[in-house]
Amino acid sequence: MDRKTHKIDAEGMVLGRLATKVADLLRGKGKPDYSPHKDTGDFVIIDNLDKIKTTGKKEEQKIYYRHTGYMGGLKKEVYSKLKNRRPGENFKRAVWGMLPKNKLRPEIIKRLKMNFSKKSDSEK
């Protein structure tokens, strides 16, 4: 199996549109030997992920939910707070939701690598 490495600069790109392209590359949909039940996708490296854009009012209005497992344990977090707490998690969740819901999904997401821009001393 021939796996290539795709390097994408995310600066100024829209989150959902980039996530769609990345999910297709991870699954190998552009390859002639693509088959839904096989894992033939490529590696994807995303640079400058902290400079990604969103459209509309998603920064203040989009909410991510998770459950602790205990009764009444539903937790909510707004997009902007999750972005500050764990940069890249928003993008990873977007790609995760676009992958097939079966045993291949955890294997496919391992081939996604995320890099962030290096902050200079004046930005810190």
N, C-alpha and C. Protein backbone atom coordinates (compact mmCIF):
# COMPACT_ATOMS: atom_id res chain seq x y z
N MET A 1 0.84 -1.16 0.00
CA MET A 1 0.00 0.00 0.00
C MET A 1 0.90 1.24 0.00
N ASP A 2 0.64 2.16 -0.92
CA ASP A 2 1.45 3.35 -1.09
C ASP A 2 0.77 4.54 -0.43
N ARG A 3 1.33 5.01 0.68
CA ARG A 3 0.76 6.16 1.39
C ARG A 3 1.65 7.37 1.15
N LYS A 4 1.04 8.45 0.70
CA LYS A 4 1.76 9.71 0.50
C LYS A 4 1.53 10.60 1.71
N THR A 5 2.32 11.66 1.80
CA THR A 5 2.15 12.65 2.85
C THR A 5 1.76 13.97 2.22
N HIS A 6 0.61 14.50 2.63
CA HIS A 6 0.12 15.78 2.13
C HIS A 6 0.34 16.83 3.21
N LYS A 7 0.94 17.95 2.82
CA LYS A 7 1.18 19.05 3.75
C LYS A 7 0.30 20.22 3.33
N ILE A 8 -0.54 20.71 4.26
CA ILE A 8 -1.50 21.76 3.96
C ILE A 8 -1.29 22.92 4.92
N ASP A 9 -1.25 24.15 4.36
CA ASP A 9 -1.15 25.35 5.17
C ASP A 9 -2.56 25.86 5.42
N ALA A 10 -2.99 25.90 6.68
CA ALA A 10 -4.38 26.22 7.02
C ALA A 10 -4.61 27.71 7.25
N GLU A 11 -3.61 28.54 7.06
CA GLU A 11 -3.75 29.97 7.35
C GLU A 11 -4.82 30.60 6.45
N GLY A 12 -5.85 31.17 7.07
CA GLY A 12 -6.91 31.85 6.34
C GLY A 12 -7.96 30.94 5.73
N MET A 13 -7.86 29.63 5.92
CA MET A 13 -8.85 28.70 5.36
C MET A 13 -10.02 28.53 6.33
N VAL A 14 -11.18 28.14 5.79
CA VAL A 14 -12.38 27.94 6.59
C VAL A 14 -12.37 26.53 7.17
N LEU A 15 -12.72 26.41 8.44
CA LEU A 15 -12.63 25.15 9.18
C LEU A 15 -13.33 23.98 8.49
N GLY A 16 -14.60 24.10 8.19
CA GLY A 16 -15.36 22.98 7.64
C GLY A 16 -14.92 22.56 6.26
N ARG A 17 -14.56 23.53 5.43
CA ARG A 17 -14.14 23.20 4.07
C ARG A 17 -12.80 22.49 4.07
N LEU A 18 -11.90 22.92 4.95
CA LEU A 18 -10.62 22.25 5.07
C LEU A 18 -10.80 20.85 5.65
N ALA A 19 -11.68 20.71 6.64
CA ALA A 19 -11.92 19.41 7.26
C ALA A 19 -12.45 18.40 6.24
N THR A 20 -13.28 18.86 5.30
CA THR A 20 -13.80 17.97 4.26
C THR A 20 -12.68 17.45 3.38
N LYS A 21 -11.78 18.34 2.97
CA LYS A 21 -10.65 17.92 2.12
C LYS A 21 -9.75 16.94 2.86
N VAL A 22 -9.49 17.24 4.13
CA VAL A 22 -8.60 16.39 4.92
C VAL A 22 -9.22 15.01 5.12
N ALA A 23 -10.53 14.95 5.40
CA ALA A 23 -11.20 13.67 5.59
C ALA A 23 -11.13 12.82 4.32
N ASP A 24 -11.27 13.44 3.17
CA ASP A 24 -11.17 12.71 1.91
C ASP A 24 -9.76 12.18 1.69
N LEU A 25 -8.74 12.98 2.02
CA LEU A 25 -7.36 12.52 1.87
C LEU A 25 -7.05 11.38 2.84
N LEU A 26 -7.53 11.49 4.08
CA LEU A 26 -7.28 10.44 5.07
C LEU A 26 -7.94 9.12 4.68
N ARG A 27 -9.10 9.19 4.03
CA ARG A 27 -9.80 7.97 3.61
C ARG A 27 -9.25 7.41 2.31
N GLY A 28 -8.59 8.25 1.50
CA GLY A 28 -8.05 7.80 0.22
C GLY A 28 -9.07 7.84 -0.90
N LYS A 29 -10.03 8.75 -0.81
CA LYS A 29 -11.10 8.79 -1.80
C LYS A 29 -10.64 9.19 -3.20
N GLY A 30 -9.50 9.87 -3.30
CA GLY A 30 -9.01 10.28 -4.62
C GLY A 30 -8.18 9.22 -5.33
N LYS A 31 -7.97 8.08 -4.70
CA LYS A 31 -7.14 7.03 -5.28
C LYS A 31 -7.96 6.10 -6.16
N PRO A 32 -7.36 5.55 -7.20
CA PRO A 32 -8.10 4.65 -8.08
C PRO A 32 -8.49 3.32 -7.41
N ASP A 33 -7.76 2.91 -6.38
CA ASP A 33 -8.07 1.65 -5.71
C ASP A 33 -8.90 1.86 -4.45
N TYR A 34 -9.63 2.99 -4.36
CA TYR A 34 -10.45 3.27 -3.18
C TYR A 34 -11.57 2.25 -3.03
N SER A 35 -11.76 1.82 -1.81
CA SER A 35 -12.87 0.94 -1.47
C SER A 35 -13.30 1.32 -0.05
N PRO A 36 -14.61 1.47 0.19
CA PRO A 36 -15.06 1.95 1.50
C PRO A 36 -14.63 1.09 2.68
N HIS A 37 -14.42 -0.20 2.46
CA HIS A 37 -14.09 -1.08 3.58
C HIS A 37 -12.60 -1.22 3.82
N LYS A 38 -11.76 -0.57 2.99
CA LYS A 38 -10.31 -0.64 3.15
C LYS A 38 -9.77 0.69 3.64
N ASP A 39 -8.66 0.62 4.35
CA ASP A 39 -7.99 1.81 4.84
C ASP A 39 -6.80 2.09 3.92
N THR A 40 -7.04 2.87 2.86
CA THR A 40 -5.99 3.13 1.87
C THR A 40 -5.59 4.60 1.83
N GLY A 41 -5.92 5.37 2.86
CA GLY A 41 -5.68 6.80 2.86
C GLY A 41 -4.24 7.20 3.08
N ASP A 42 -4.00 8.50 2.98
CA ASP A 42 -2.67 9.07 3.10
C ASP A 42 -2.49 9.77 4.44
N PHE A 43 -1.24 10.20 4.69
CA PHE A 43 -0.93 11.01 5.86
C PHE A 43 -1.22 12.47 5.52
N VAL A 44 -1.69 13.23 6.50
CA VAL A 44 -1.97 14.65 6.30
C VAL A 44 -1.35 15.43 7.44
N ILE A 45 -0.56 16.46 7.09
CA ILE A 45 0.05 17.35 8.07
C ILE A 45 -0.55 18.74 7.84
N ILE A 46 -1.12 19.32 8.88
CA ILE A 46 -1.73 20.64 8.80
C ILE A 46 -0.83 21.63 9.54
N ASP A 47 -0.40 22.69 8.84
CA ASP A 47 0.41 23.74 9.46
C ASP A 47 -0.44 24.98 9.72
N ASN A 48 -0.03 25.79 10.68
CA ASN A 48 -0.71 27.04 11.05
C ASN A 48 -2.18 26.82 11.39
N LEU A 49 -2.47 25.79 12.12
CA LEU A 49 -3.86 25.45 12.44
C LEU A 49 -4.52 26.49 13.34
N ASP A 50 -3.72 27.22 14.12
CA ASP A 50 -4.31 28.23 14.99
C ASP A 50 -4.76 29.48 14.23
N LYS A 51 -4.44 29.57 12.93
CA LYS A 51 -4.86 30.71 12.12
C LYS A 51 -6.04 30.37 11.21
N ILE A 52 -6.78 29.32 11.56
CA ILE A 52 -7.94 28.90 10.77
C ILE A 52 -9.12 29.82 11.08
N LYS A 53 -10.01 30.00 10.10
CA LYS A 53 -11.16 30.89 10.26
C LYS A 53 -12.44 30.08 10.38
N THR A 54 -13.46 30.73 10.92
CA THR A 54 -14.81 30.17 10.90
C THR A 54 -15.74 31.21 10.30
N THR A 55 -16.87 30.76 9.80
CA THR A 55 -17.83 31.68 9.20
C THR A 55 -18.96 31.95 10.19
N GLY A 56 -19.64 33.06 9.98
CA GLY A 56 -20.78 33.38 10.82
C GLY A 56 -20.39 33.68 12.25
N LYS A 57 -21.25 33.28 13.19
CA LYS A 57 -21.04 33.57 14.61
C LYS A 57 -20.63 32.31 15.39
N LYS A 58 -19.94 31.39 14.73
CA LYS A 58 -19.57 30.13 15.38
C LYS A 58 -18.66 30.34 16.59
N GLU A 59 -17.83 31.37 16.56
CA GLU A 59 -16.91 31.61 17.69
C GLU A 59 -17.67 31.73 19.01
N GLU A 60 -18.85 32.38 18.99
CA GLU A 60 -19.61 32.59 20.23
C GLU A 60 -20.76 31.62 20.39
N GLN A 61 -21.29 31.05 19.28
CA GLN A 61 -22.53 30.29 19.37
C GLN A 61 -22.38 28.78 19.27
N LYS A 62 -21.31 28.28 18.63
CA LYS A 62 -21.17 26.84 18.48
C LYS A 62 -20.79 26.21 19.81
N ILE A 63 -21.50 25.16 20.20
CA ILE A 63 -21.29 24.51 21.50
C ILE A 63 -20.92 23.05 21.28
N TYR A 64 -19.89 22.61 21.98
CA TYR A 64 -19.48 21.21 21.98
C TYR A 64 -19.97 20.56 23.27
N TYR A 65 -20.54 19.37 23.16
CA TYR A 65 -21.07 18.65 24.32
C TYR A 65 -20.23 17.40 24.58
N ARG A 66 -20.12 17.04 25.85
CA ARG A 66 -19.51 15.77 26.25
C ARG A 66 -20.17 15.32 27.54
N HIS A 67 -20.06 14.07 27.85
CA HIS A 67 -20.69 13.53 29.06
C HIS A 67 -19.65 12.85 29.91
N THR A 68 -19.69 13.09 31.21
CA THR A 68 -18.70 12.53 32.12
C THR A 68 -18.96 11.05 32.41
N GLY A 69 -20.18 10.61 32.22
CA GLY A 69 -20.54 9.24 32.54
C GLY A 69 -21.35 9.14 33.82
N TYR A 70 -21.40 10.23 34.57
CA TYR A 70 -22.19 10.25 35.79
C TYR A 70 -23.55 10.90 35.52
N MET A 71 -24.50 10.65 36.40
CA MET A 71 -25.82 11.25 36.22
C MET A 71 -25.73 12.77 36.27
N GLY A 72 -26.37 13.42 35.33
CA GLY A 72 -26.32 14.87 35.26
C GLY A 72 -24.98 15.40 34.83
N GLY A 73 -24.17 14.57 34.18
CA GLY A 73 -22.80 14.95 33.85
C GLY A 73 -22.61 15.51 32.45
N LEU A 74 -23.64 16.13 31.88
CA LEU A 74 -23.50 16.72 30.56
C LEU A 74 -22.74 18.04 30.67
N LYS A 75 -21.64 18.14 29.96
CA LYS A 75 -20.81 19.36 29.98
C LYS A 75 -20.89 20.04 28.63
N LYS A 76 -20.90 21.39 28.64
CA LYS A 76 -20.93 22.18 27.42
C LYS A 76 -19.71 23.08 27.40
N GLU A 77 -19.23 23.34 26.19
CA GLU A 77 -18.12 24.28 26.04
C GLU A 77 -18.28 25.02 24.72
N VAL A 78 -18.09 26.32 24.76
CA VAL A 78 -18.22 27.17 23.56
C VAL A 78 -16.96 27.02 22.71
N TYR A 79 -17.11 27.18 21.40
CA TYR A 79 -16.02 27.03 20.44
C TYR A 79 -14.78 27.81 20.84
N SER A 80 -14.94 29.08 21.18
CA SER A 80 -13.79 29.94 21.47
C SER A 80 -13.03 29.47 22.71
N LYS A 81 -13.75 29.00 23.74
CA LYS A 81 -13.08 28.52 24.95
C LYS A 81 -12.32 27.22 24.69
N LEU A 82 -12.93 26.32 23.89
CA LEU A 82 -12.25 25.07 23.55
C LEU A 82 -11.01 25.36 22.71
N LYS A 83 -11.11 26.35 21.83
CA LYS A 83 -9.98 26.72 20.98
C LYS A 83 -8.82 27.25 21.82
N ASN A 84 -9.12 28.01 22.87
CA ASN A 84 -8.07 28.52 23.75
C ASN A 84 -7.49 27.43 24.64
N ARG A 85 -8.35 26.54 25.12
CA ARG A 85 -7.92 25.49 26.04
C ARG A 85 -7.12 24.40 25.34
N ARG A 86 -7.64 23.94 24.19
CA ARG A 86 -6.98 22.88 23.43
C ARG A 86 -6.99 23.24 21.95
N PRO A 87 -6.00 23.99 21.49
CA PRO A 87 -5.99 24.38 20.08
C PRO A 87 -5.88 23.14 19.18
N GLY A 88 -6.68 23.12 18.14
CA GLY A 88 -6.68 21.99 17.23
C GLY A 88 -7.77 20.98 17.50
N GLU A 89 -8.34 21.00 18.69
CA GLU A 89 -9.39 20.05 19.04
C GLU A 89 -10.65 20.28 18.21
N ASN A 90 -10.95 21.54 17.91
CA ASN A 90 -12.12 21.85 17.08
C ASN A 90 -11.97 21.22 15.70
N PHE A 91 -10.79 21.37 15.12
CA PHE A 91 -10.55 20.81 13.79
C PHE A 91 -10.58 19.28 13.81
N LYS A 92 -9.97 18.71 14.84
CA LYS A 92 -9.93 17.25 14.94
C LYS A 92 -11.34 16.68 15.09
N ARG A 93 -12.19 17.35 15.86
CA ARG A 93 -13.57 16.89 16.02
C ARG A 93 -14.35 17.01 14.72
N ALA A 94 -14.06 18.06 13.93
CA ALA A 94 -14.75 18.22 12.65
C ALA A 94 -14.37 17.09 11.69
N VAL A 95 -13.09 16.75 11.64
CA VAL A 95 -12.64 15.65 10.76
C VAL A 95 -13.18 14.33 11.28
N TRP A 96 -13.15 14.12 12.60
CA TRP A 96 -13.64 12.89 13.23
C TRP A 96 -15.09 12.60 12.84
N GLY A 97 -15.91 13.65 12.81
CA GLY A 97 -17.31 13.48 12.46
C GLY A 97 -17.53 13.15 11.01
N MET A 98 -16.55 13.41 10.15
CA MET A 98 -16.67 13.14 8.72
C MET A 98 -16.13 11.77 8.33
N LEU A 99 -15.52 11.07 9.26
CA LEU A 99 -14.97 9.74 8.97
C LEU A 99 -16.04 8.67 9.22
N PRO A 100 -15.87 7.47 8.64
CA PRO A 100 -16.88 6.42 8.82
C PRO A 100 -17.00 5.99 10.27
N LYS A 101 -18.22 5.73 10.69
CA LYS A 101 -18.48 5.36 12.08
C LYS A 101 -18.32 3.85 12.25
N ASN A 102 -17.10 3.38 12.18
CA ASN A 102 -16.81 1.96 12.36
C ASN A 102 -15.39 1.80 12.92
N LYS A 103 -14.84 0.60 12.88
CA LYS A 103 -13.54 0.35 13.49
C LYS A 103 -12.38 1.02 12.76
N LEU A 104 -12.62 1.50 11.54
CA LEU A 104 -11.56 2.17 10.80
C LEU A 104 -11.29 3.59 11.32
N ARG A 105 -12.29 4.22 11.91
CA ARG A 105 -12.18 5.63 12.29
C ARG A 105 -10.98 5.91 13.21
N PRO A 106 -10.77 5.18 14.30
CA PRO A 106 -9.60 5.47 15.14
C PRO A 106 -8.27 5.25 14.42
N GLU A 107 -8.22 4.31 13.50
CA GLU A 107 -7.00 4.05 12.74
C GLU A 107 -6.73 5.17 11.74
N ILE A 108 -7.79 5.68 11.14
CA ILE A 108 -7.64 6.74 10.13
C ILE A 108 -7.19 8.04 10.78
N ILE A 109 -7.76 8.39 11.92
CA ILE A 109 -7.46 9.69 12.54
C ILE A 109 -6.02 9.75 13.05
N LYS A 110 -5.37 8.61 13.25
CA LYS A 110 -3.98 8.59 13.70
C LYS A 110 -3.03 9.18 12.66
N ARG A 111 -3.45 9.20 11.40
CA ARG A 111 -2.60 9.72 10.33
C ARG A 111 -2.72 11.23 10.16
N LEU A 112 -3.50 11.89 11.02
CA LEU A 112 -3.64 13.34 10.99
C LEU A 112 -2.67 13.96 11.99
N LYS A 113 -1.78 14.81 11.50
CA LYS A 113 -0.83 15.53 12.36
C LYS A 113 -1.12 17.01 12.26
N MET A 114 -1.12 17.70 13.40
CA MET A 114 -1.46 19.12 13.44
C MET A 114 -0.29 19.92 14.01
N ASN A 115 0.09 20.99 13.30
CA ASN A 115 1.15 21.89 13.75
C ASN A 115 0.57 23.29 13.90
N PHE A 116 1.11 24.04 14.83
CA PHE A 116 0.65 25.39 15.09
C PHE A 116 1.78 26.36 14.79
N SER A 117 1.43 27.60 14.48
CA SER A 117 2.46 28.59 14.15
C SER A 117 3.27 28.89 15.40
N LYS A 118 4.54 29.14 15.19
CA LYS A 118 5.41 29.46 16.31
C LYS A 118 5.24 30.94 16.63
N LYS A 119 4.99 31.25 17.90
CA LYS A 119 4.81 32.63 18.32
C LYS A 119 6.18 33.29 18.56
N SER A 120 6.32 34.48 18.05
CA SER A 120 7.55 35.22 18.29
C SER A 120 7.51 35.81 19.71
N ASP A 121 8.62 36.39 20.16
CA ASP A 121 8.67 36.96 21.50
C ASP A 121 7.72 38.14 21.67
N SER A 122 7.45 38.88 20.59
CA SER A 122 6.55 40.04 20.69
C SER A 122 5.11 39.62 20.83
N GLU A 123 4.72 38.43 20.33
CA GLU A 123 3.33 37.96 20.41
C GLU A 123 3.01 37.32 21.75
N LYS A 124 4.03 36.85 22.50
CA LYS A 124 3.80 36.16 23.76
C LYS A 124 3.35 37.08 24.79
